[in-house]
């Protein structure tokens, strides 16, 4: 059976049930996406080498989709609750780092209703092929994004090989890491 996609709003409390019913603990990848203010399409995101009309903010993977989905959604909600309450950020083991990254002004500028999570994986109604490698699936998705836009999505950790890391970002990734952009080269701008 082929991979299936399901897109759910972060703000809907029933999304966990929808994802659990379709994917459960099967492996897969996910993308955090941003919709327009009117929720009628995706918000274009300017990148180094073009404009991402798909609104992708983050690409990740999990060996068990429902667990990672729960941590991701909790992390994002924690960031929005911190913004609203100007107080405590909900934090516990398993809470996803994307929520912490959103504290840098993002939550003040973007309503949570505009955030969606697209999950791509094998449904519970099928068996996962023995040769399926979720890490490879994620690397292909990030690599494709990097080849198109010259850098990974905004909330992924670092830039690709050969590109300068912005101040405060982690060390450059190596081949095989989840943020390696392959041998992406910027066009000569001289």
N, C-alpha and C. Protein backbone atom coordinates (compact mmCIF):
# COMPACT_ATOMS: atom_id res chain seq x y z
N UNK A 1 0.84 -1.18 0.00
CA UNK A 1 0.00 0.00 0.00
C UNK A 1 0.88 1.25 0.00
N UNK A 2 0.39 2.29 -0.59
CA UNK A 2 1.14 3.55 -0.70
C UNK A 2 1.03 4.38 0.56
N UNK A 3 1.95 5.32 0.68
CA UNK A 3 1.90 6.28 1.78
C UNK A 3 0.65 7.14 1.63
N UNK A 4 0.07 7.50 2.76
CA UNK A 4 -1.09 8.39 2.76
C UNK A 4 -0.73 9.68 3.48
N UNK A 5 -1.44 10.76 3.14
CA UNK A 5 -1.24 12.05 3.80
C UNK A 5 -2.53 12.45 4.49
N UNK A 6 -2.37 13.08 5.63
CA UNK A 6 -3.49 13.64 6.38
C UNK A 6 -3.04 14.99 6.91
N UNK A 7 -3.82 16.04 6.63
CA UNK A 7 -3.50 17.36 7.14
C UNK A 7 -4.54 17.75 8.19
N UNK A 8 -4.05 18.16 9.36
CA UNK A 8 -4.95 18.49 10.46
C UNK A 8 -4.55 19.83 11.08
N UNK A 9 -5.53 20.60 11.55
CA UNK A 9 -5.20 21.87 12.22
C UNK A 9 -4.64 21.63 13.61
N UNK A 10 -3.63 22.39 13.98
CA UNK A 10 -3.04 22.28 15.31
C UNK A 10 -4.07 22.69 16.37
N UNK A 11 -4.93 23.65 16.06
CA UNK A 11 -5.85 24.20 17.05
C UNK A 11 -7.05 23.30 17.36
N UNK A 12 -7.29 22.27 16.60
CA UNK A 12 -8.42 21.38 16.82
C UNK A 12 -8.04 20.28 17.80
N UNK A 13 -8.75 20.20 18.92
CA UNK A 13 -8.42 19.21 19.95
C UNK A 13 -8.62 17.77 19.49
N UNK A 14 -9.38 17.55 18.44
CA UNK A 14 -9.64 16.18 17.96
C UNK A 14 -8.59 15.67 17.00
N UNK A 15 -7.59 16.50 16.66
CA UNK A 15 -6.59 16.08 15.68
C UNK A 15 -5.81 14.85 16.13
N UNK A 16 -5.52 14.74 17.43
CA UNK A 16 -4.78 13.59 17.93
C UNK A 16 -5.55 12.31 17.60
N UNK A 17 -6.86 12.32 17.82
CA UNK A 17 -7.69 11.15 17.52
C UNK A 17 -7.64 10.80 16.03
N UNK A 18 -7.73 11.82 15.17
CA UNK A 18 -7.70 11.58 13.72
C UNK A 18 -6.38 10.92 13.30
N UNK A 19 -5.27 11.46 13.80
CA UNK A 19 -3.96 10.93 13.44
C UNK A 19 -3.79 9.52 14.03
N UNK A 20 -4.21 9.31 15.26
CA UNK A 20 -4.10 8.00 15.89
C UNK A 20 -4.91 6.95 15.14
N UNK A 21 -6.10 7.30 14.72
CA UNK A 21 -6.95 6.35 14.00
C UNK A 21 -6.37 5.98 12.64
N UNK A 22 -5.69 6.92 11.99
CA UNK A 22 -5.15 6.63 10.67
C UNK A 22 -3.77 5.98 10.72
N UNK A 23 -2.87 6.49 11.59
CA UNK A 23 -1.48 6.04 11.57
C UNK A 23 -1.03 5.29 12.83
N UNK A 24 -1.61 5.61 13.98
CA UNK A 24 -1.20 4.98 15.22
C UNK A 24 0.30 5.10 15.46
N UNK A 25 0.93 3.98 15.76
CA UNK A 25 2.37 3.97 16.05
C UNK A 25 3.22 3.62 14.82
N UNK A 26 2.64 3.72 13.63
CA UNK A 26 3.41 3.48 12.41
C UNK A 26 4.39 4.63 12.19
N UNK A 27 5.49 4.39 11.46
CA UNK A 27 6.46 5.45 11.18
C UNK A 27 5.97 6.37 10.07
N UNK A 28 6.55 7.56 10.03
CA UNK A 28 6.24 8.49 8.95
C UNK A 28 6.91 9.82 9.15
N UNK A 29 6.66 10.74 8.22
CA UNK A 29 7.19 12.09 8.33
C UNK A 29 6.03 13.06 8.50
N UNK A 30 6.36 14.27 8.88
CA UNK A 30 5.33 15.30 9.05
C UNK A 30 5.91 16.64 8.67
N UNK A 31 5.02 17.53 8.27
CA UNK A 31 5.39 18.90 7.92
C UNK A 31 4.48 19.85 8.69
N UNK A 32 5.07 20.84 9.35
CA UNK A 32 4.28 21.92 9.95
C UNK A 32 4.12 22.95 8.85
N UNK A 33 2.87 23.35 8.59
CA UNK A 33 2.57 24.27 7.49
C UNK A 33 1.79 25.47 7.99
N UNK A 34 1.94 26.58 7.28
CA UNK A 34 1.28 27.83 7.63
C UNK A 34 0.27 28.19 6.55
N UNK A 35 -0.98 28.40 6.96
CA UNK A 35 -2.04 28.83 6.04
C UNK A 35 -2.12 30.35 6.03
N UNK A 36 -2.78 30.89 5.02
CA UNK A 36 -3.00 32.33 4.95
C UNK A 36 -3.93 32.76 6.08
N UNK A 37 -4.02 34.05 6.33
CA UNK A 37 -4.88 34.56 7.40
C UNK A 37 -6.34 34.16 7.17
N UNK A 38 -6.75 34.02 5.92
CA UNK A 38 -8.12 33.63 5.60
C UNK A 38 -8.32 32.12 5.58
N UNK A 39 -7.24 31.35 5.79
CA UNK A 39 -7.24 29.88 5.78
C UNK A 39 -7.69 29.30 4.44
N UNK A 40 -7.47 30.06 3.36
CA UNK A 40 -7.91 29.62 2.04
C UNK A 40 -6.78 29.08 1.17
N UNK A 41 -5.62 28.92 1.73
CA UNK A 41 -4.46 28.40 1.01
C UNK A 41 -3.25 28.49 1.92
N UNK A 42 -2.08 28.20 1.37
CA UNK A 42 -0.86 28.26 2.17
C UNK A 42 -0.21 29.63 2.06
N UNK A 43 0.39 30.05 3.16
CA UNK A 43 1.14 31.30 3.19
C UNK A 43 2.48 31.09 2.49
N UNK A 44 2.77 31.89 1.50
CA UNK A 44 4.07 31.79 0.83
C UNK A 44 5.16 32.21 1.81
N UNK A 45 6.25 31.45 1.82
CA UNK A 45 7.38 31.72 2.72
C UNK A 45 8.60 32.02 1.86
N UNK A 46 9.15 33.23 1.99
CA UNK A 46 10.34 33.60 1.23
C UNK A 46 11.56 32.84 1.76
N UNK A 47 12.32 32.27 0.84
CA UNK A 47 13.52 31.52 1.17
C UNK A 47 14.68 32.08 0.34
N UNK A 48 15.87 31.56 0.53
CA UNK A 48 17.04 32.08 -0.18
C UNK A 48 16.90 32.06 -1.70
N UNK A 49 16.44 30.95 -2.24
CA UNK A 49 16.42 30.79 -3.69
C UNK A 49 15.02 30.78 -4.28
N UNK A 50 14.05 31.26 -3.55
CA UNK A 50 12.70 31.28 -4.09
C UNK A 50 11.66 31.40 -3.01
N UNK A 51 10.43 31.24 -3.43
CA UNK A 51 9.29 31.39 -2.54
C UNK A 51 8.59 30.04 -2.41
N UNK A 52 8.46 29.57 -1.18
CA UNK A 52 7.79 28.30 -0.91
C UNK A 52 6.29 28.57 -0.82
N UNK A 53 5.56 28.24 -1.87
CA UNK A 53 4.12 28.47 -1.88
C UNK A 53 3.36 27.41 -1.08
N UNK A 54 4.08 26.41 -0.56
CA UNK A 54 3.45 25.37 0.24
C UNK A 54 3.40 25.67 1.73
N UNK A 55 3.99 26.80 2.16
CA UNK A 55 3.92 27.21 3.56
C UNK A 55 4.63 26.31 4.55
N UNK A 56 5.63 25.55 4.13
CA UNK A 56 6.31 24.59 5.01
C UNK A 56 7.21 25.34 6.00
N UNK A 57 7.02 25.06 7.29
CA UNK A 57 7.83 25.65 8.35
C UNK A 57 8.81 24.66 8.96
N UNK A 58 8.49 23.36 8.89
CA UNK A 58 9.32 22.34 9.52
C UNK A 58 9.01 20.99 8.89
N UNK A 59 10.05 20.16 8.73
CA UNK A 59 9.89 18.78 8.29
C UNK A 59 10.56 17.89 9.33
N UNK A 60 9.86 16.87 9.79
CA UNK A 60 10.40 15.95 10.77
C UNK A 60 9.95 14.53 10.51
N UNK A 61 10.42 13.60 11.35
CA UNK A 61 10.07 12.19 11.20
C UNK A 61 9.88 11.55 12.56
N UNK A 62 9.25 10.39 12.53
CA UNK A 62 9.09 9.63 13.76
C UNK A 62 8.95 8.15 13.44
N UNK A 63 9.52 7.34 14.30
CA UNK A 63 9.32 5.89 14.21
C UNK A 63 7.90 5.51 14.62
N UNK A 64 7.26 6.37 15.42
CA UNK A 64 5.88 6.15 15.87
C UNK A 64 5.15 7.50 15.79
N UNK A 65 4.45 7.72 14.70
CA UNK A 65 3.85 9.02 14.40
C UNK A 65 3.03 9.59 15.56
N UNK A 66 2.19 8.82 16.17
CA UNK A 66 1.28 9.39 17.16
C UNK A 66 2.02 9.98 18.36
N UNK A 67 3.10 9.36 18.80
CA UNK A 67 3.86 9.91 19.91
C UNK A 67 4.51 11.24 19.57
N UNK A 68 5.13 11.31 18.41
CA UNK A 68 5.79 12.56 17.98
C UNK A 68 4.74 13.64 17.71
N UNK A 69 3.63 13.25 17.12
CA UNK A 69 2.56 14.21 16.85
C UNK A 69 2.06 14.84 18.14
N UNK A 70 1.89 14.02 19.17
CA UNK A 70 1.44 14.54 20.47
C UNK A 70 2.45 15.52 21.06
N UNK A 71 3.74 15.19 20.99
CA UNK A 71 4.78 16.08 21.51
C UNK A 71 4.88 17.37 20.71
N UNK A 72 4.73 17.27 19.40
CA UNK A 72 4.77 18.44 18.53
C UNK A 72 3.61 19.39 18.85
N UNK A 73 2.42 18.83 18.91
CA UNK A 73 1.24 19.65 19.20
C UNK A 73 1.33 20.27 20.59
N UNK A 74 1.80 19.53 21.57
CA UNK A 74 1.97 20.05 22.94
C UNK A 74 2.99 21.18 22.96
N UNK A 75 4.10 21.02 22.24
CA UNK A 75 5.13 22.06 22.17
C UNK A 75 4.61 23.35 21.56
N UNK A 76 3.83 23.22 20.48
CA UNK A 76 3.27 24.41 19.84
C UNK A 76 2.25 25.08 20.76
N UNK A 77 1.39 24.29 21.37
CA UNK A 77 0.41 24.86 22.32
C UNK A 77 1.11 25.54 23.49
N UNK A 78 2.20 24.95 23.97
CA UNK A 78 2.95 25.56 25.06
C UNK A 78 3.47 26.93 24.69
N UNK A 79 3.97 27.07 23.47
CA UNK A 79 4.48 28.37 23.01
C UNK A 79 3.35 29.39 22.95
N UNK A 80 2.20 29.00 22.47
CA UNK A 80 1.08 29.93 22.39
C UNK A 80 0.53 30.27 23.77
N UNK A 81 0.52 29.30 24.68
CA UNK A 81 0.05 29.58 26.04
C UNK A 81 1.01 30.54 26.73
N UNK A 82 2.31 30.38 26.52
CA UNK A 82 3.29 31.30 27.09
C UNK A 82 3.05 32.71 26.57
N UNK A 83 2.80 32.83 25.26
CA UNK A 83 2.54 34.14 24.66
C UNK A 83 1.28 34.76 25.27
N UNK A 84 0.24 33.99 25.44
CA UNK A 84 -1.03 34.51 25.96
C UNK A 84 -0.95 34.84 27.44
N UNK A 85 -0.28 33.99 28.21
CA UNK A 85 -0.24 34.15 29.66
C UNK A 85 0.96 34.94 30.16
N UNK A 86 1.97 35.10 29.30
CA UNK A 86 3.25 35.69 29.71
C UNK A 86 3.76 35.01 30.97
N UNK A 87 3.66 33.72 30.97
CA UNK A 87 4.05 32.97 32.16
C UNK A 87 4.79 31.70 31.81
N UNK A 88 4.33 30.61 32.34
CA UNK A 88 5.00 29.32 32.31
C UNK A 88 4.84 28.62 30.96
N UNK A 89 5.93 28.12 30.40
CA UNK A 89 5.88 27.29 29.20
C UNK A 89 5.71 25.85 29.64
N UNK A 90 4.70 25.19 29.12
CA UNK A 90 4.50 23.79 29.44
C UNK A 90 5.67 22.99 28.88
N UNK A 91 6.37 22.29 29.72
CA UNK A 91 7.53 21.55 29.27
C UNK A 91 7.60 20.22 30.01
N UNK A 92 7.83 19.17 29.26
CA UNK A 92 8.02 17.84 29.81
C UNK A 92 8.78 17.03 28.79
N UNK A 93 9.35 15.90 29.17
CA UNK A 93 10.06 15.08 28.18
C UNK A 93 9.13 14.73 27.02
N UNK A 94 9.64 14.82 25.84
CA UNK A 94 8.85 14.50 24.65
C UNK A 94 8.21 15.69 23.98
N UNK A 95 8.24 16.88 24.63
CA UNK A 95 7.67 18.06 24.01
C UNK A 95 8.61 18.51 22.90
N UNK A 96 8.06 18.80 21.75
CA UNK A 96 8.85 19.09 20.55
C UNK A 96 9.50 20.47 20.57
N UNK A 97 10.72 20.56 20.06
CA UNK A 97 11.50 21.80 20.05
C UNK A 97 10.91 22.89 19.17
N UNK A 98 10.05 22.57 18.22
CA UNK A 98 9.46 23.59 17.36
C UNK A 98 8.68 24.61 18.19
N UNK A 99 8.01 24.17 19.24
CA UNK A 99 7.28 25.09 20.11
C UNK A 99 8.19 26.13 20.73
N UNK A 100 9.36 25.72 21.20
CA UNK A 100 10.31 26.66 21.79
C UNK A 100 10.80 27.66 20.74
N UNK A 101 11.05 27.18 19.52
CA UNK A 101 11.50 28.08 18.45
C UNK A 101 10.44 29.11 18.09
N UNK A 102 9.18 28.76 18.27
CA UNK A 102 8.10 29.69 17.94
C UNK A 102 7.99 30.84 18.93
N UNK A 103 8.64 30.72 20.07
CA UNK A 103 8.58 31.79 21.07
C UNK A 103 9.29 33.06 20.61
N UNK A 104 10.10 32.98 19.60
CA UNK A 104 10.89 34.12 19.14
C UNK A 104 10.06 35.08 18.30
N UNK A 105 8.91 35.50 18.78
CA UNK A 105 8.08 36.47 18.09
C UNK A 105 7.03 35.87 17.18
N UNK A 106 7.18 34.60 16.83
CA UNK A 106 6.25 33.96 15.90
C UNK A 106 4.84 33.91 16.47
N UNK A 107 4.71 33.51 17.74
CA UNK A 107 3.38 33.35 18.32
C UNK A 107 2.64 34.67 18.44
N UNK A 108 3.36 35.78 18.58
CA UNK A 108 2.71 37.09 18.65
C UNK A 108 2.19 37.53 17.28
N UNK A 109 2.83 37.05 16.21
CA UNK A 109 2.49 37.50 14.87
C UNK A 109 1.52 36.58 14.13
N UNK A 110 1.43 35.31 14.53
CA UNK A 110 0.65 34.33 13.78
C UNK A 110 -0.33 33.62 14.72
N UNK A 111 -1.61 33.64 14.36
CA UNK A 111 -2.63 32.92 15.14
C UNK A 111 -2.42 31.41 15.01
N UNK A 112 -2.64 30.70 16.09
CA UNK A 112 -2.45 29.24 16.08
C UNK A 112 -3.39 28.56 15.08
N UNK A 113 -4.51 29.15 14.79
CA UNK A 113 -5.47 28.57 13.84
C UNK A 113 -4.88 28.46 12.43
N UNK A 114 -3.80 29.17 12.16
CA UNK A 114 -3.17 29.13 10.83
C UNK A 114 -2.17 27.98 10.69
N UNK A 115 -1.87 27.27 11.77
CA UNK A 115 -0.89 26.19 11.73
C UNK A 115 -1.56 24.83 11.51
N UNK A 116 -1.00 24.08 10.59
CA UNK A 116 -1.50 22.75 10.26
C UNK A 116 -0.33 21.78 10.26
N UNK A 117 -0.62 20.53 10.53
CA UNK A 117 0.39 19.49 10.46
C UNK A 117 -0.05 18.48 9.40
N UNK A 118 0.83 18.27 8.43
CA UNK A 118 0.58 17.26 7.41
C UNK A 118 1.38 16.03 7.78
N UNK A 119 0.71 14.92 7.98
CA UNK A 119 1.35 13.66 8.34
C UNK A 119 1.36 12.77 7.10
N UNK A 120 2.49 12.14 6.83
CA UNK A 120 2.63 11.24 5.69
C UNK A 120 3.21 9.93 6.19
N UNK A 121 2.46 8.87 6.04
CA UNK A 121 2.92 7.58 6.52
C UNK A 121 2.03 6.45 6.04
N UNK A 122 2.25 5.28 6.59
CA UNK A 122 1.45 4.11 6.24
C UNK A 122 0.28 4.00 7.20
N UNK A 123 -0.93 3.83 6.68
CA UNK A 123 -2.10 3.72 7.56
C UNK A 123 -2.07 2.41 8.35
N UNK A 124 -2.81 2.41 9.46
CA UNK A 124 -2.89 1.21 10.29
C UNK A 124 -3.49 0.03 9.53
N UNK A 125 -4.28 0.33 8.50
CA UNK A 125 -4.93 -0.74 7.75
C UNK A 125 -3.96 -1.50 6.83
N UNK A 126 -2.71 -1.08 6.78
CA UNK A 126 -1.73 -1.78 5.95
C UNK A 126 -0.49 -2.08 6.79
N UNK A 127 0.32 -2.98 6.28
CA UNK A 127 1.58 -3.25 6.98
C UNK A 127 2.67 -2.34 6.40
N UNK A 128 3.59 -1.98 7.24
CA UNK A 128 4.72 -1.14 6.81
C UNK A 128 5.72 -2.05 6.11
N UNK A 129 6.12 -1.70 4.88
CA UNK A 129 7.10 -2.55 4.17
C UNK A 129 8.40 -2.67 4.97
N UNK A 130 8.99 -3.85 4.94
CA UNK A 130 10.22 -4.09 5.69
C UNK A 130 11.37 -3.20 5.25
N UNK A 131 11.36 -2.78 3.99
CA UNK A 131 12.45 -1.95 3.49
C UNK A 131 12.19 -0.45 3.66
N UNK A 132 11.10 -0.07 4.33
CA UNK A 132 10.80 1.36 4.54
C UNK A 132 11.75 1.92 5.60
N UNK A 133 12.43 3.00 5.26
CA UNK A 133 13.37 3.67 6.16
C UNK A 133 12.86 5.09 6.37
N UNK A 134 12.27 5.35 7.52
CA UNK A 134 11.66 6.65 7.80
C UNK A 134 12.71 7.77 7.80
N UNK A 135 13.91 7.49 8.27
CA UNK A 135 14.97 8.51 8.28
C UNK A 135 15.33 8.90 6.84
N UNK A 136 15.41 7.92 5.96
CA UNK A 136 15.68 8.19 4.54
C UNK A 136 14.54 9.02 3.94
N UNK A 137 13.32 8.69 4.29
CA UNK A 137 12.14 9.43 3.81
C UNK A 137 12.24 10.90 4.23
N UNK A 138 12.60 11.13 5.49
CA UNK A 138 12.75 12.51 5.99
C UNK A 138 13.89 13.22 5.26
N UNK A 139 15.04 12.55 5.11
CA UNK A 139 16.18 13.17 4.43
C UNK A 139 15.85 13.53 2.99
N UNK A 140 15.08 12.69 2.33
CA UNK A 140 14.66 13.01 0.96
C UNK A 140 13.76 14.24 0.94
N UNK A 141 12.83 14.33 1.90
CA UNK A 141 11.92 15.49 1.94
C UNK A 141 12.69 16.78 2.22
N UNK A 142 13.61 16.76 3.19
CA UNK A 142 14.40 17.95 3.50
C UNK A 142 15.35 18.27 2.34
N UNK A 143 15.97 17.25 1.76
CA UNK A 143 16.86 17.46 0.62
C UNK A 143 16.14 18.08 -0.56
N UNK A 144 14.93 17.63 -0.83
CA UNK A 144 14.14 18.20 -1.92
C UNK A 144 13.85 19.68 -1.64
N UNK A 145 13.49 19.98 -0.41
CA UNK A 145 13.21 21.36 -0.03
C UNK A 145 14.47 22.22 -0.22
N UNK A 146 15.60 21.71 0.23
CA UNK A 146 16.87 22.44 0.12
C UNK A 146 17.26 22.68 -1.34
N UNK A 147 17.08 21.69 -2.17
CA UNK A 147 17.42 21.87 -3.58
C UNK A 147 16.54 22.94 -4.23
N UNK A 148 15.30 23.01 -3.82
CA UNK A 148 14.39 24.01 -4.40
C UNK A 148 14.61 25.40 -3.84
N UNK A 149 14.94 25.50 -2.54
CA UNK A 149 14.95 26.82 -1.89
C UNK A 149 16.30 27.23 -1.30
N UNK A 150 17.32 26.38 -1.39
CA UNK A 150 18.66 26.74 -0.95
C UNK A 150 18.91 26.65 0.54
N UNK A 151 17.95 26.21 1.30
CA UNK A 151 18.07 26.08 2.75
C UNK A 151 16.92 25.21 3.26
N UNK A 152 17.04 24.65 4.46
CA UNK A 152 15.93 23.86 5.02
C UNK A 152 14.79 24.77 5.45
N UNK A 153 13.65 24.19 5.81
CA UNK A 153 12.53 25.00 6.29
C UNK A 153 12.92 25.85 7.51
N UNK A 154 12.21 26.93 7.76
CA UNK A 154 12.59 27.90 8.80
C UNK A 154 12.84 27.33 10.19
N UNK A 155 12.08 26.34 10.63
CA UNK A 155 12.24 25.83 11.99
C UNK A 155 13.10 24.57 12.07
N UNK A 156 13.65 24.11 10.95
CA UNK A 156 14.64 23.04 11.02
C UNK A 156 15.94 23.64 11.54
N UNK A 157 16.83 22.83 12.10
CA UNK A 157 17.96 23.33 12.87
C UNK A 157 19.02 24.13 12.15
N UNK A 158 19.47 23.72 10.99
CA UNK A 158 20.62 24.41 10.41
C UNK A 158 20.57 24.41 8.89
N UNK A 159 21.52 25.10 8.31
CA UNK A 159 21.60 25.22 6.86
C UNK A 159 22.41 24.06 6.31
N UNK A 160 22.42 23.96 5.01
CA UNK A 160 23.12 22.86 4.35
C UNK A 160 24.62 23.05 4.31
N UNK A 161 25.30 22.01 3.90
CA UNK A 161 26.76 22.04 3.81
C UNK A 161 27.22 23.16 2.89
N UNK A 162 28.25 23.84 3.30
CA UNK A 162 28.83 24.88 2.48
C UNK A 162 28.19 26.25 2.64
N UNK A 163 27.11 26.34 3.42
CA UNK A 163 26.46 27.62 3.63
C UNK A 163 26.82 28.12 5.03
N UNK A 164 27.04 29.41 5.19
CA UNK A 164 27.39 29.92 6.52
C UNK A 164 26.22 29.78 7.49
N UNK A 165 26.51 29.36 8.70
CA UNK A 165 25.46 29.24 9.71
C UNK A 165 25.20 30.60 10.33
N UNK A 166 23.94 31.00 10.48
CA UNK A 166 23.63 32.26 11.14
C UNK A 166 24.09 32.22 12.60
N UNK A 167 24.32 33.37 13.19
CA UNK A 167 24.74 33.46 14.59
C UNK A 167 23.74 32.71 15.45
N UNK A 168 24.25 31.92 16.37
CA UNK A 168 23.39 31.20 17.31
C UNK A 168 22.92 29.84 16.83
N UNK A 169 23.17 29.49 15.57
CA UNK A 169 22.74 28.18 15.09
C UNK A 169 23.80 27.15 15.41
N UNK A 170 23.40 25.90 15.41
CA UNK A 170 24.31 24.80 15.74
C UNK A 170 25.36 24.61 14.67
N UNK A 171 26.29 23.71 14.94
CA UNK A 171 27.34 23.39 13.97
C UNK A 171 26.73 22.91 12.67
N UNK A 172 27.50 23.00 11.60
CA UNK A 172 27.04 22.55 10.30
C UNK A 172 26.72 21.06 10.34
N UNK A 173 25.65 20.65 9.67
CA UNK A 173 25.29 19.23 9.64
C UNK A 173 26.24 18.44 8.75
N UNK A 174 26.24 17.15 8.94
CA UNK A 174 27.05 16.26 8.11
C UNK A 174 26.12 15.39 7.28
N UNK A 175 26.68 14.76 6.24
CA UNK A 175 25.87 13.87 5.43
C UNK A 175 25.24 12.83 6.34
N UNK A 176 23.96 12.61 6.15
CA UNK A 176 23.24 11.64 6.97
C UNK A 176 22.47 12.27 8.11
N UNK A 177 22.76 13.54 8.46
CA UNK A 177 21.98 14.16 9.53
C UNK A 177 20.68 14.69 8.95
N UNK A 178 19.71 14.93 9.81
CA UNK A 178 18.38 15.30 9.33
C UNK A 178 18.32 16.68 8.70
N UNK A 179 19.36 17.50 8.87
CA UNK A 179 19.32 18.85 8.31
C UNK A 179 20.33 19.06 7.19
N UNK A 180 20.98 18.02 6.74
CA UNK A 180 21.95 18.15 5.66
C UNK A 180 21.21 18.43 4.36
N UNK A 181 21.60 19.47 3.64
CA UNK A 181 20.92 19.84 2.40
C UNK A 181 21.62 19.31 1.17
N UNK A 182 22.44 18.33 1.32
CA UNK A 182 23.15 17.81 0.15
C UNK A 182 24.19 18.82 -0.30
N UNK A 183 24.59 18.69 -1.51
CA UNK A 183 25.61 19.59 -2.04
C UNK A 183 24.93 20.78 -2.73
N UNK A 184 24.12 21.49 -1.98
CA UNK A 184 23.42 22.66 -2.49
C UNK A 184 24.41 23.81 -2.61
N UNK A 185 24.42 24.45 -3.73
CA UNK A 185 25.31 25.60 -3.93
C UNK A 185 24.47 26.80 -4.33
N UNK A 186 24.78 27.93 -3.76
CA UNK A 186 24.11 29.15 -4.16
C UNK A 186 24.63 29.59 -5.52
N UNK A 187 23.76 30.20 -6.34
CA UNK A 187 24.23 30.70 -7.63
C UNK A 187 25.23 31.83 -7.40
N UNK A 188 26.14 31.98 -8.34
CA UNK A 188 27.13 33.04 -8.25
C UNK A 188 26.42 34.39 -8.41
N UNK A 189 26.46 35.21 -7.35
CA UNK A 189 25.74 36.47 -7.35
C UNK A 189 26.65 37.67 -7.65
N UNK A 190 27.88 37.39 -8.09
CA UNK A 190 28.80 38.51 -8.35
C UNK A 190 28.41 39.33 -9.51
